[in-house]
Amino acid sequence: QVQLVESGGGLAQAGDSLRLACAASGRTDSMKAVAWFRQSPGKERELVAAHSKVGNSKYFPEAFYPDSVKGRFTVSRDNARNTLYLQMNSLKPEDSAVYYCAAARPAITYSTLLQEYTYWGQGTQVTVSS
């Protein structure tokens, strides 16, 4: 089992930056594929960043970002602290959502698919005003 706890959300103005953190505990040593998703009212949960501990090869990258956040968001991972980060720069009002970190089961090394993520945090709210 893996437990995930997000922090770092809050209020921001357009153009500001925020950094989210996701602290993992439990059986984290075998955790390879992790990701950040977000969900706003009335919308489906969507991927904002995927990261693989064994990525950066010809088979799949270390990180993936959809076009909506590419160049503005950066995912990083501190394995010593069992913490996943999401640095969000140049925030826009449309970035407002509840942000969730997620981890896939050990057999999955990389994924951009929501259904392949088994473990989820409780979410942290990000609100960006114009």
C-alpha atoms as a PDB file:
ATOM      1  CA  GLN A   1       0.000   0.000   0.000  1.00  0.00           C
ATOM      2  CA  VAL A   2       1.046   3.560  -0.692  1.00  0.00           C
ATOM      3  CA  GLN A   3      -0.296   6.657   1.029  1.00  0.00           C
ATOM      4  CA  LEU A   4      -0.093  10.042  -0.684  1.00  0.00           C
ATOM      5  CA  VAL A   5      -0.631  13.460   0.891  1.00  0.00           C
ATOM      6  CA  GLU A   6      -0.620  16.650  -1.165  1.00  0.00           C
ATOM      7  CA  SER A   7       0.202  20.132   0.071  1.00  0.00           C
ATOM      8  CA  GLY A   8       0.987  23.560  -1.327  1.00  0.00           C
ATOM      9  CA  GLY A   9      -2.285  24.565  -2.921  1.00  0.00           C
ATOM     10  CA  GLY A  10      -3.930  27.899  -2.342  1.00  0.00           C
ATOM     11  CA  LEU A  11      -4.849  31.191  -3.930  1.00  0.00           C
ATOM     12  CA  ALA A  12      -2.764  32.789  -6.655  1.00  0.00           C
ATOM     13  CA  GLN A  13      -3.088  35.527  -9.230  1.00  0.00           C
ATOM     14  CA  ALA A  14      -2.615  35.031 -12.938  1.00  0.00           C
ATOM     15  CA  GLY A  15       1.086  34.911 -13.697  1.00  0.00           C
ATOM     16  CA  ASP A  16       2.063  33.715 -10.232  1.00  0.00           C
ATOM     17  CA  SER A  17       3.827  30.497  -9.343  1.00  0.00           C
ATOM     18  CA  LEU A  18       2.942  27.740  -6.902  1.00  0.00           C
ATOM     19  CA  ARG A  19       4.704  24.534  -5.971  1.00  0.00           C
ATOM     20  CA  LEU A  20       2.712  21.503  -4.942  1.00  0.00           C
ATOM     21  CA  ALA A  21       4.241  18.668  -2.953  1.00  0.00           C
ATOM     22  CA  CYS A  22       3.092  15.084  -2.554  1.00  0.00           C
ATOM     23  CA  ALA A  23       4.552  13.108   0.328  1.00  0.00           C
ATOM     24  CA  ALA A  24       4.475   9.353  -0.146  1.00  0.00           C
ATOM     25  CA  SER A  25       4.640   6.707   2.560  1.00  0.00           C
ATOM     26  CA  GLY A  26       4.251   2.970   2.710  1.00  0.00           C
ATOM     27  CA  ARG A  27       5.699   0.715   0.030  1.00  0.00           C
ATOM     28  CA  THR A  28       7.306   3.485  -1.995  1.00  0.00           C
ATOM     29  CA  ASP A  29      10.495   1.694  -3.007  1.00  0.00           C
ATOM     30  CA  SER A  30       8.785  -0.077  -5.894  1.00  0.00           C
ATOM     31  CA  MET A  31       6.857   2.972  -7.042  1.00  0.00           C
ATOM     32  CA  LYS A  32       7.907   3.909 -10.585  1.00  0.00           C
ATOM     33  CA  ALA A  33       5.060   5.716 -12.355  1.00  0.00           C
ATOM     34  CA  VAL A  34       3.688   8.771 -10.589  1.00  0.00           C
ATOM     35  CA  ALA A  35       1.619  11.660 -11.855  1.00  0.00           C
ATOM     36  CA  TRP A  36      -0.317  14.810 -11.128  1.00  0.00           C
ATOM     37  CA  PHE A  37      -3.924  15.138 -12.244  1.00  0.00           C
ATOM     38  CA  ARG A  38      -6.440  17.920 -11.785  1.00  0.00           C
ATOM     39  CA  GLN A  39     -10.189  18.209 -11.766  1.00  0.00           C
ATOM     40  CA  SER A  40     -12.381  21.277 -11.903  1.00  0.00           C
ATOM     41  CA  PRO A  41     -16.162  21.321 -11.325  1.00  0.00           C
ATOM     42  CA  GLY A  42     -18.107  19.671 -14.114  1.00  0.00           C
ATOM     43  CA  LYS A  43     -14.996  18.391 -15.857  1.00  0.00           C
ATOM     44  CA  GLU A  44     -13.261  15.046 -15.994  1.00  0.00           C
ATOM     45  CA  ARG A  45     -10.038  14.489 -14.116  1.00  0.00           C
ATOM     46  CA  GLU A  46      -7.139  15.225 -16.468  1.00  0.00           C
ATOM     47  CA  LEU A  47      -3.431  14.554 -16.488  1.00  0.00           C
ATOM     48  CA  VAL A  48      -1.097  17.493 -15.995  1.00  0.00           C
ATOM     49  CA  ALA A  49       2.210  15.681 -15.542  1.00  0.00           C
ATOM     50  CA  ALA A  50       3.434  12.109 -15.587  1.00  0.00           C
ATOM     51  CA  HIS A  51       6.823  10.996 -14.333  1.00  0.00           C
ATOM     52  CA  SER A  52       8.686   7.728 -14.477  1.00  0.00           C
ATOM     53  CA  LYS A  53      11.493   6.747 -12.135  1.00  0.00           C
ATOM     54  CA  VAL A  54      13.008   4.681 -14.950  1.00  0.00           C
ATOM     55  CA  GLY A  55      12.225   7.029 -17.815  1.00  0.00           C
ATOM     56  CA  ASN A  56      14.393   9.148 -20.086  1.00  0.00           C
ATOM     57  CA  SER A  57      15.040   6.416 -22.649  1.00  0.00           C
ATOM     58  CA  LYS A  58      14.059   5.675 -26.218  1.00  0.00           C
ATOM     59  CA  TYR A  59      11.005   3.816 -24.928  1.00  0.00           C
ATOM     60  CA  PHE A  60       9.396   6.511 -22.872  1.00  0.00           C
ATOM     61  CA  PRO A  61      10.385   9.872 -21.448  1.00  0.00           C
ATOM     62  CA  GLU A  62      11.114  10.713 -17.874  1.00  0.00           C
ATOM     63  CA  ALA A  63       8.244  13.177 -17.876  1.00  0.00           C
ATOM     64  CA  PHE A  64       5.187  13.984 -19.988  1.00  0.00           C
ATOM     65  CA  TYR A  65       3.068  17.113 -20.075  1.00  0.00           C
ATOM     66  CA  PRO A  66      -0.073  17.857 -22.074  1.00  0.00           C
ATOM     67  CA  ASP A  67       0.010  20.930 -24.287  1.00  0.00           C
ATOM     68  CA  SER A  68      -2.138  22.880 -21.823  1.00  0.00           C
ATOM     69  CA  VAL A  69       0.693  23.044 -19.279  1.00  0.00           C
ATOM     70  CA  LYS A  70       3.821  22.274 -21.305  1.00  0.00           C
ATOM     71  CA  GLY A  71       6.497  24.884 -20.702  1.00  0.00           C
ATOM     72  CA  ARG A  72       4.780  26.153 -17.547  1.00  0.00           C
ATOM     73  CA  PHE A  73       4.601  23.114 -15.246  1.00  0.00           C
ATOM     74  CA  THR A  74       7.512  20.927 -14.167  1.00  0.00           C
ATOM     75  CA  VAL A  75       7.301  17.660 -12.279  1.00  0.00           C
ATOM     76  CA  SER A  76      10.204  16.503 -10.158  1.00  0.00           C
ATOM     77  CA  ARG A  77      10.849  13.772  -7.682  1.00  0.00           C
ATOM     78  CA  ASP A  78      13.003  13.579  -4.565  1.00  0.00           C
ATOM     79  CA  ASN A  79      13.441   9.875  -3.959  1.00  0.00           C
ATOM     80  CA  ALA A  80      15.344  10.414  -0.718  1.00  0.00           C
ATOM     81  CA  ARG A  81      12.374  12.294   0.713  1.00  0.00           C
ATOM     82  CA  ASN A  82       9.736  10.184  -1.064  1.00  0.00           C
ATOM     83  CA  THR A  83       8.221  13.399  -2.342  1.00  0.00           C
ATOM     84  CA  LEU A  84       6.842  14.388  -5.730  1.00  0.00           C
ATOM     85  CA  TYR A  85       6.660  18.049  -6.697  1.00  0.00           C
ATOM     86  CA  LEU A  86       4.767  20.057  -9.272  1.00  0.00           C
ATOM     87  CA  GLN A  87       6.194  23.478 -10.002  1.00  0.00           C
ATOM     88  CA  MET A  88       3.535  25.610 -11.645  1.00  0.00           C
ATOM     89  CA  ASN A  89       4.612  28.857 -13.279  1.00  0.00           C
ATOM     90  CA  SER A  90       2.714  31.489 -15.248  1.00  0.00           C
ATOM     91  CA  LEU A  91      -0.544  30.327 -13.728  1.00  0.00           C
ATOM     92  CA  LYS A  92      -3.781  31.019 -15.556  1.00  0.00           C
ATOM     93  CA  PRO A  93      -7.356  31.131 -14.249  1.00  0.00           C
ATOM     94  CA  GLU A  94      -8.063  27.959 -16.210  1.00  0.00           C
ATOM     95  CA  ASP A  95      -5.493  26.169 -14.051  1.00  0.00           C
ATOM     96  CA  SER A  96      -7.907  26.440 -11.121  1.00  0.00           C
ATOM     97  CA  ALA A  97      -8.795  22.939  -9.971  1.00  0.00           C
ATOM     98  CA  VAL A  98      -8.257  20.344  -7.290  1.00  0.00           C
ATOM     99  CA  TYR A  99      -4.849  18.815  -7.917  1.00  0.00           C
ATOM    100  CA  TYR A 100      -4.212  15.163  -7.104  1.00  0.00           C
ATOM    101  CA  CYS A 101      -1.032  13.164  -7.034  1.00  0.00           C
ATOM    102  CA  ALA A 102      -1.225   9.532  -8.003  1.00  0.00           C
ATOM    103  CA  ALA A 103       0.957   6.458  -8.135  1.00  0.00           C
ATOM    104  CA  ALA A 104       0.607   3.350 -10.244  1.00  0.00           C
ATOM    105  CA  ARG A 105       1.107  -0.196  -9.039  1.00  0.00           C
ATOM    106  CA  PRO A 106       4.746  -1.431  -9.229  1.00  0.00           C
ATOM    107  CA  ALA A 107       4.292  -3.353 -12.497  1.00  0.00           C
ATOM    108  CA  ILE A 108       3.633  -0.109 -14.371  1.00  0.00           C
ATOM    109  CA  THR A 109       6.770   1.860 -15.185  1.00  0.00           C
ATOM    110  CA  TYR A 110       5.169   4.748 -17.063  1.00  0.00           C
ATOM    111  CA  SER A 111       1.636   5.795 -17.877  1.00  0.00           C
ATOM    112  CA  THR A 112      -0.421   8.777 -18.986  1.00  0.00           C
ATOM    113  CA  LEU A 113      -3.692   6.915 -18.398  1.00  0.00           C
ATOM    114  CA  LEU A 114      -5.821   7.772 -15.380  1.00  0.00           C
ATOM    115  CA  GLN A 115      -7.137   4.221 -15.050  1.00  0.00           C
ATOM    116  CA  GLU A 116      -3.640   2.845 -14.523  1.00  0.00           C
ATOM    117  CA  TYR A 117      -3.107   4.848 -11.349  1.00  0.00           C
ATOM    118  CA  THR A 118      -4.085   2.956  -8.232  1.00  0.00           C
ATOM    119  CA  TYR A 119      -3.097   5.193  -5.345  1.00  0.00           C
ATOM    120  CA  TRP A 120      -4.433   8.715  -4.944  1.00  0.00           C
ATOM    121  CA  GLY A 121      -3.999  11.583  -2.541  1.00  0.00           C
ATOM    122  CA  GLN A 122      -6.886  13.560  -1.133  1.00  0.00           C
ATOM    123  CA  GLY A 123      -6.267  16.545  -3.400  1.00  0.00           C
ATOM    124  CA  THR A 124      -5.300  20.155  -2.866  1.00  0.00           C
ATOM    125  CA  GLN A 125      -7.210  23.147  -4.192  1.00  0.00           C
ATOM    126  CA  VAL A 126      -5.539  25.652  -6.497  1.00  0.00           C
ATOM    127  CA  THR A 127      -7.460  28.808  -7.328  1.00  0.00           C
ATOM    128  CA  VAL A 128      -6.071  31.341  -9.787  1.00  0.00           C
ATOM    129  CA  SER A 129      -7.705  34.738 -10.112  1.00  0.00           C
ATOM    130  CA  SER A 130      -7.403  36.993 -13.137  1.00  0.00           C
END
